[in-house]
């Protein structure tokens, strides 16, 4: 819940909160897309991860564009 980009020193990290009662080892999948695009793209390095963050800097490096990201547990 509450997935949001945290941008510091030109790095764009997607962070999200988890429920307090989430089972240990719960895996997350991250997808992103540029504003106006129809299809979501998987971030390969952020599939089946257990930490609540994902580095999307390379995928969002054009600072004049708008991006969306989503997480699925």
Protein backbone atom coordinates (compact mmCIF):
# COMPACT_ATOMS: atom_id res chain seq x y z
CA UNK A 1 0.00 0.00 0.00
CA UNK A 2 1.03 3.61 -0.49
CA UNK A 3 3.59 2.95 -3.19
CA UNK A 4 5.51 6.13 -4.02
CA UNK A 5 8.70 7.27 -5.68
CA UNK A 6 11.47 8.56 -3.49
CA UNK A 7 13.85 10.64 -5.59
CA UNK A 8 17.22 11.64 -4.19
CA UNK A 9 20.43 12.50 -6.05
CA UNK A 10 18.81 11.56 -9.38
CA UNK A 11 17.89 8.07 -8.14
CA UNK A 12 14.23 7.05 -8.33
CA UNK A 13 13.39 4.36 -5.81
CA UNK A 14 9.88 2.97 -5.58
CA UNK A 15 9.03 2.28 -1.93
CA UNK A 16 5.87 0.83 -0.41
CA UNK A 17 4.40 -0.06 2.93
CA UNK A 18 3.37 -3.56 3.92
CA UNK A 19 0.70 -4.68 6.33
CA UNK A 20 1.95 -5.48 9.86
CA UNK A 21 0.67 -9.05 9.61
CA UNK A 22 2.24 -9.84 6.23
CA UNK A 23 3.66 -13.40 6.23
CA UNK A 24 7.47 -13.65 6.28
CA UNK A 25 8.94 -14.21 2.84
CA UNK A 26 6.08 -12.55 0.97
CA UNK A 27 7.30 -11.82 -2.56
CA UNK A 28 6.60 -8.66 -4.55
CA UNK A 29 6.51 -7.97 -8.29
CA UNK A 30 7.07 -4.44 -9.63
CA UNK A 31 5.79 -3.03 -12.91
CA UNK A 32 6.13 0.44 -14.42
CA UNK A 33 5.03 2.44 -17.45
CA UNK A 34 5.39 5.89 -18.92
CA UNK A 35 2.39 8.19 -18.92
CA UNK A 36 0.31 7.55 -22.03
CA UNK A 37 1.52 3.99 -22.59
CA UNK A 38 -1.05 1.20 -22.42
CA UNK A 39 0.99 -1.76 -21.27
CA UNK A 40 2.85 -2.26 -18.01
CA UNK A 41 6.45 -3.46 -18.12
CA UNK A 42 8.01 -5.81 -15.59
CA UNK A 43 11.16 -4.65 -13.83
CA UNK A 44 13.18 -7.92 -14.15
CA UNK A 45 15.36 -7.25 -11.09
CA UNK A 46 12.25 -6.60 -8.98
CA UNK A 47 10.27 -9.78 -9.57
CA UNK A 48 9.70 -12.10 -6.60
CA UNK A 49 11.64 -9.79 -4.26
CA UNK A 50 11.07 -9.63 -0.51
CA UNK A 51 12.27 -6.10 0.26
CA UNK A 52 9.74 -3.20 0.10
CA UNK A 53 11.63 -1.13 -2.47
CA UNK A 54 12.83 -1.23 -6.08
CA UNK A 55 15.31 0.97 -7.95
CA UNK A 56 13.62 2.30 -11.11
CA UNK A 57 16.26 4.93 -11.92
CA UNK A 58 17.18 3.57 -15.35
CA UNK A 59 13.54 3.15 -16.34
CA UNK A 60 12.58 6.69 -15.25
CA UNK A 61 15.67 8.68 -16.19
CA UNK A 62 13.88 11.10 -18.53
CA UNK A 63 12.87 13.71 -15.95
CA UNK A 64 10.59 15.50 -18.42
CA UNK A 65 8.26 12.48 -18.56
CA UNK A 66 5.75 11.14 -16.05
CA UNK A 67 5.84 7.55 -14.86
CA UNK A 68 3.61 5.12 -13.00
CA UNK A 69 4.62 2.09 -11.00
CA UNK A 70 2.71 -0.61 -9.19
CA UNK A 71 3.46 -3.48 -6.85
CA UNK A 72 1.75 -6.83 -6.40
CA UNK A 73 2.31 -9.10 -3.43
